[in-house]
C-alpha atoms as a PDB file:
ATOM      1  CA  UNK A   1     -50.666  34.385  -3.478  1.00  0.00           C
ATOM      2  CA  UNK A   2     -49.380  31.075  -2.055  1.00  0.00           C
ATOM      3  CA  UNK A   3     -51.575  28.027  -2.232  1.00  0.00           C
ATOM      4  CA  UNK A   4     -51.215  24.468  -0.994  1.00  0.00           C
ATOM      5  CA  UNK A   5     -50.262  21.810  -3.510  1.00  0.00           C
ATOM      6  CA  UNK A   6     -53.269  20.166  -5.180  1.00  0.00           C
ATOM      7  CA  UNK A   7     -54.480  17.003  -3.476  1.00  0.00           C
ATOM      8  CA  UNK A   8     -53.365  14.900  -6.448  1.00  0.00           C
ATOM      9  CA  UNK A   9     -49.776  16.186  -6.097  1.00  0.00           C
ATOM     10  CA  UNK A  10     -49.773  15.471  -2.345  1.00  0.00           C
ATOM     11  CA  UNK A  11     -51.146  11.983  -2.926  1.00  0.00           C
ATOM     12  CA  UNK A  12     -48.112  11.249  -5.118  1.00  0.00           C
ATOM     13  CA  UNK A  13     -46.179  10.782  -1.861  1.00  0.00           C
ATOM     14  CA  UNK A  14     -48.551   8.001  -0.737  1.00  0.00           C
ATOM     15  CA  UNK A  15     -47.204   4.510  -1.301  1.00  0.00           C
ATOM     16  CA  UNK A  16     -44.316   2.254  -0.368  1.00  0.00           C
ATOM     17  CA  UNK A  17     -40.708   3.424  -0.565  1.00  0.00           C
ATOM     18  CA  UNK A  18     -37.402   1.616  -0.059  1.00  0.00           C
ATOM     19  CA  UNK A  19     -35.079   4.021   1.767  1.00  0.00           C
ATOM     20  CA  UNK A  20     -31.396   3.886   2.625  1.00  0.00           C
ATOM     21  CA  UNK A  21     -28.828   5.928   4.526  1.00  0.00           C
ATOM     22  CA  UNK A  22     -25.043   5.926   4.271  1.00  0.00           C
ATOM     23  CA  UNK A  23     -24.839   4.632   7.851  1.00  0.00           C
ATOM     24  CA  UNK A  24     -27.328   2.511   9.715  1.00  0.00           C
ATOM     25  CA  UNK A  25     -30.095   0.227   8.561  1.00  0.00           C
ATOM     26  CA  UNK A  26     -32.269   0.762   5.522  1.00  0.00           C
ATOM     27  CA  UNK A  27     -35.982   0.295   5.580  1.00  0.00           C
ATOM     28  CA  UNK A  28     -39.393   0.222   4.023  1.00  0.00           C
ATOM     29  CA  UNK A  29     -41.452   3.381   4.370  1.00  0.00           C
ATOM     30  CA  UNK A  30     -45.215   3.081   3.881  1.00  0.00           C
ATOM     31  CA  UNK A  31     -46.916   6.465   3.600  1.00  0.00           C
ATOM     32  CA  UNK A  32     -50.560   7.533   3.624  1.00  0.00           C
ATOM     33  CA  UNK A  33     -51.732  11.058   2.906  1.00  0.00           C
ATOM     34  CA  UNK A  34     -54.847  12.786   4.217  1.00  0.00           C
ATOM     35  CA  UNK A  35     -54.844  16.415   3.147  1.00  0.00           C
ATOM     36  CA  UNK A  36     -51.670  17.910   4.606  1.00  0.00           C
ATOM     37  CA  UNK A  37     -51.193  15.062   7.122  1.00  0.00           C
ATOM     38  CA  UNK A  38     -48.744  12.223   6.582  1.00  0.00           C
ATOM     39  CA  UNK A  39     -49.120   8.901   8.434  1.00  0.00           C
ATOM     40  CA  UNK A  40     -47.802   5.376   8.017  1.00  0.00           C
ATOM     41  CA  UNK A  41     -44.949   3.168   9.154  1.00  0.00           C
ATOM     42  CA  UNK A  42     -41.215   2.759   8.800  1.00  0.00           C
ATOM     43  CA  UNK A  43     -39.857  -0.787   9.080  1.00  0.00           C
ATOM     44  CA  UNK A  44     -36.086  -0.871   9.537  1.00  0.00           C
ATOM     45  CA  UNK A  45     -34.492  -4.033   8.251  1.00  0.00           C
ATOM     46  CA  UNK A  46     -31.721  -4.304  10.834  1.00  0.00           C
ATOM     47  CA  UNK A  47     -28.024  -4.617  10.345  1.00  0.00           C
ATOM     48  CA  UNK A  48     -26.630  -1.614  12.118  1.00  0.00           C
ATOM     49  CA  UNK A  49     -22.912  -1.362  12.837  1.00  0.00           C
ATOM     50  CA  UNK A  50     -20.449  -4.202  13.005  1.00  0.00           C
ATOM     51  CA  UNK A  51     -19.072  -5.149  16.392  1.00  0.00           C
ATOM     52  CA  UNK A  52     -22.325  -4.653  18.299  1.00  0.00           C
ATOM     53  CA  UNK A  53     -24.741  -1.788  18.391  1.00  0.00           C
ATOM     54  CA  UNK A  54     -27.342  -1.162  15.754  1.00  0.00           C
ATOM     55  CA  UNK A  55     -30.832  -2.535  15.288  1.00  0.00           C
ATOM     56  CA  UNK A  56     -31.208  -6.310  15.304  1.00  0.00           C
ATOM     57  CA  UNK A  57     -33.877  -7.665  12.987  1.00  0.00           C
ATOM     58  CA  UNK A  58     -36.876  -5.763  11.664  1.00  0.00           C
ATOM     59  CA  UNK A  59     -38.613  -3.116  13.782  1.00  0.00           C
ATOM     60  CA  UNK A  60     -41.779  -1.315  12.660  1.00  0.00           C
ATOM     61  CA  UNK A  61     -42.338   2.217  13.922  1.00  0.00           C
ATOM     62  CA  UNK A  62     -45.431   4.390  13.549  1.00  0.00           C
ATOM     63  CA  UNK A  63     -45.025   7.797  11.913  1.00  0.00           C
ATOM     64  CA  UNK A  64     -46.043  10.748  14.081  1.00  0.00           C
ATOM     65  CA  UNK A  65     -46.153  14.497  13.458  1.00  0.00           C
ATOM     66  CA  UNK A  66     -46.168  13.931   9.679  1.00  0.00           C
ATOM     67  CA  UNK A  67     -46.867  16.937   7.469  1.00  0.00           C
ATOM     68  CA  UNK A  68     -46.714  17.807   3.777  1.00  0.00           C
ATOM     69  CA  UNK A  69     -46.284  21.239   2.237  1.00  0.00           C
ATOM     70  CA  UNK A  70     -45.869  21.390  -1.525  1.00  0.00           C
ATOM     71  CA  UNK A  71     -43.333  18.692  -2.368  1.00  0.00           C
ATOM     72  CA  UNK A  72     -41.731  18.816   1.116  1.00  0.00           C
ATOM     73  CA  UNK A  73     -42.491  16.482   3.996  1.00  0.00           C
ATOM     74  CA  UNK A  74     -41.512  15.890   7.622  1.00  0.00           C
ATOM     75  CA  UNK A  75     -42.258  13.110  10.092  1.00  0.00           C
ATOM     76  CA  UNK A  76     -40.929  11.499  13.264  1.00  0.00           C
ATOM     77  CA  UNK A  77     -40.556   7.848  14.263  1.00  0.00           C
ATOM     78  CA  UNK A  78     -39.305   6.457  17.565  1.00  0.00           C
ATOM     79  CA  UNK A  79     -36.686   3.699  17.472  1.00  0.00           C
ATOM     80  CA  UNK A  80     -36.554   1.449  20.547  1.00  0.00           C
ATOM     81  CA  UNK A  81     -33.211  -0.179  21.233  1.00  0.00           C
ATOM     82  CA  UNK A  82     -31.570  -1.506  24.394  1.00  0.00           C
ATOM     83  CA  UNK A  83     -34.449  -0.327  26.576  1.00  0.00           C
ATOM     84  CA  UNK A  84     -34.170   3.242  25.272  1.00  0.00           C
ATOM     85  CA  UNK A  85     -36.286   5.253  22.824  1.00  0.00           C
ATOM     86  CA  UNK A  86     -34.668   7.425  20.172  1.00  0.00           C
ATOM     87  CA  UNK A  87     -36.798   9.899  18.196  1.00  0.00           C
ATOM     88  CA  UNK A  88     -35.715  10.120  14.560  1.00  0.00           C
ATOM     89  CA  UNK A  89     -36.866  13.138  12.558  1.00  0.00           C
ATOM     90  CA  UNK A  90     -37.038  12.874   8.773  1.00  0.00           C
ATOM     91  CA  UNK A  91     -37.425  15.861   6.458  1.00  0.00           C
ATOM     92  CA  UNK A  92     -37.138  15.906   2.720  1.00  0.00           C
ATOM     93  CA  UNK A  93     -38.670  16.363  -0.692  1.00  0.00           C
ATOM     94  CA  UNK A  94     -40.227  14.090  -3.262  1.00  0.00           C
ATOM     95  CA  UNK A  95     -40.431  14.157  -7.026  1.00  0.00           C
ATOM     96  CA  UNK A  96     -41.925  11.355  -9.069  1.00  0.00           C
ATOM     97  CA  UNK A  97     -40.620   8.046  -7.731  1.00  0.00           C
ATOM     98  CA  UNK A  98     -37.742   9.526  -5.697  1.00  0.00           C
ATOM     99  CA  UNK A  99     -37.512  10.954  -2.190  1.00  0.00           C
ATOM    100  CA  UNK A 100     -34.484  12.401  -0.449  1.00  0.00           C
ATOM    101  CA  UNK A 101     -33.720  14.371   2.640  1.00  0.00           C
ATOM    102  CA  UNK A 102     -32.105  14.449   6.048  1.00  0.00           C
ATOM    103  CA  UNK A 103     -32.448  12.220   9.104  1.00  0.00           C
ATOM    104  CA  UNK A 104     -31.866  13.894  12.488  1.00  0.00           C
ATOM    105  CA  UNK A 105     -31.602  12.151  15.853  1.00  0.00           C
ATOM    106  CA  UNK A 106     -30.292   8.888  17.200  1.00  0.00           C
ATOM    107  CA  UNK A 107     -26.508   8.773  16.966  1.00  0.00           C
ATOM    108  CA  UNK A 108     -25.348  11.816  15.104  1.00  0.00           C
ATOM    109  CA  UNK A 109     -27.489  14.026  12.966  1.00  0.00           C
ATOM    110  CA  UNK A 110     -27.878  15.445   9.553  1.00  0.00           C
ATOM    111  CA  UNK A 111     -27.505  12.097   7.800  1.00  0.00           C
ATOM    112  CA  UNK A 112     -28.808  12.046   4.232  1.00  0.00           C
ATOM    113  CA  UNK A 113     -31.357   9.467   3.120  1.00  0.00           C
ATOM    114  CA  UNK A 114     -32.703   8.517  -0.300  1.00  0.00           C
ATOM    115  CA  UNK A 115     -35.575   6.381  -1.418  1.00  0.00           C
ATOM    116  CA  UNK A 116     -37.345   4.976  -4.426  1.00  0.00           C
ATOM    117  CA  UNK A 117     -40.972   3.993  -4.801  1.00  0.00           C
ATOM    118  CA  UNK A 118     -41.660   0.258  -4.816  1.00  0.00           C
ATOM    119  CA  UNK A 119     -45.480   0.481  -4.977  1.00  0.00           C
END
C-alpha cells in the first residue's frame, strides 16, 4: 500500500534555498509547504549571458502549480524579460539540506539545477 510522506518529511522542503544552474542566473528559492502543495517565490539574481541577453538585476517570481510527492517536487515560475513571459518548470528531489533536479523552459531545456538550504 502506498502512502503519502508524513507531514514532517514534507515540511523538510520548507525554507530558503540558494540554487544554481550551469547556465543562466542563480537565485534564492523560498518554499512553503501546506500538505501536498508547494508555494513561495524564486528571486533570480541576474547576470545571464555575456554580450546581451539574460536577466538584468533581481526579479522575484511567484511559484505556481507546486506539488510534493514523497521527496519529489515540481513547480512553475514565469520569467518576464524583454516584454515576453517565459514559463520555467522545475522538478526535482530533496534530501536533508540539498535539492537537485531539472529546469525546463526558457532557452533550451533539461538544464540541471542544484541547491543548498540557507535557512
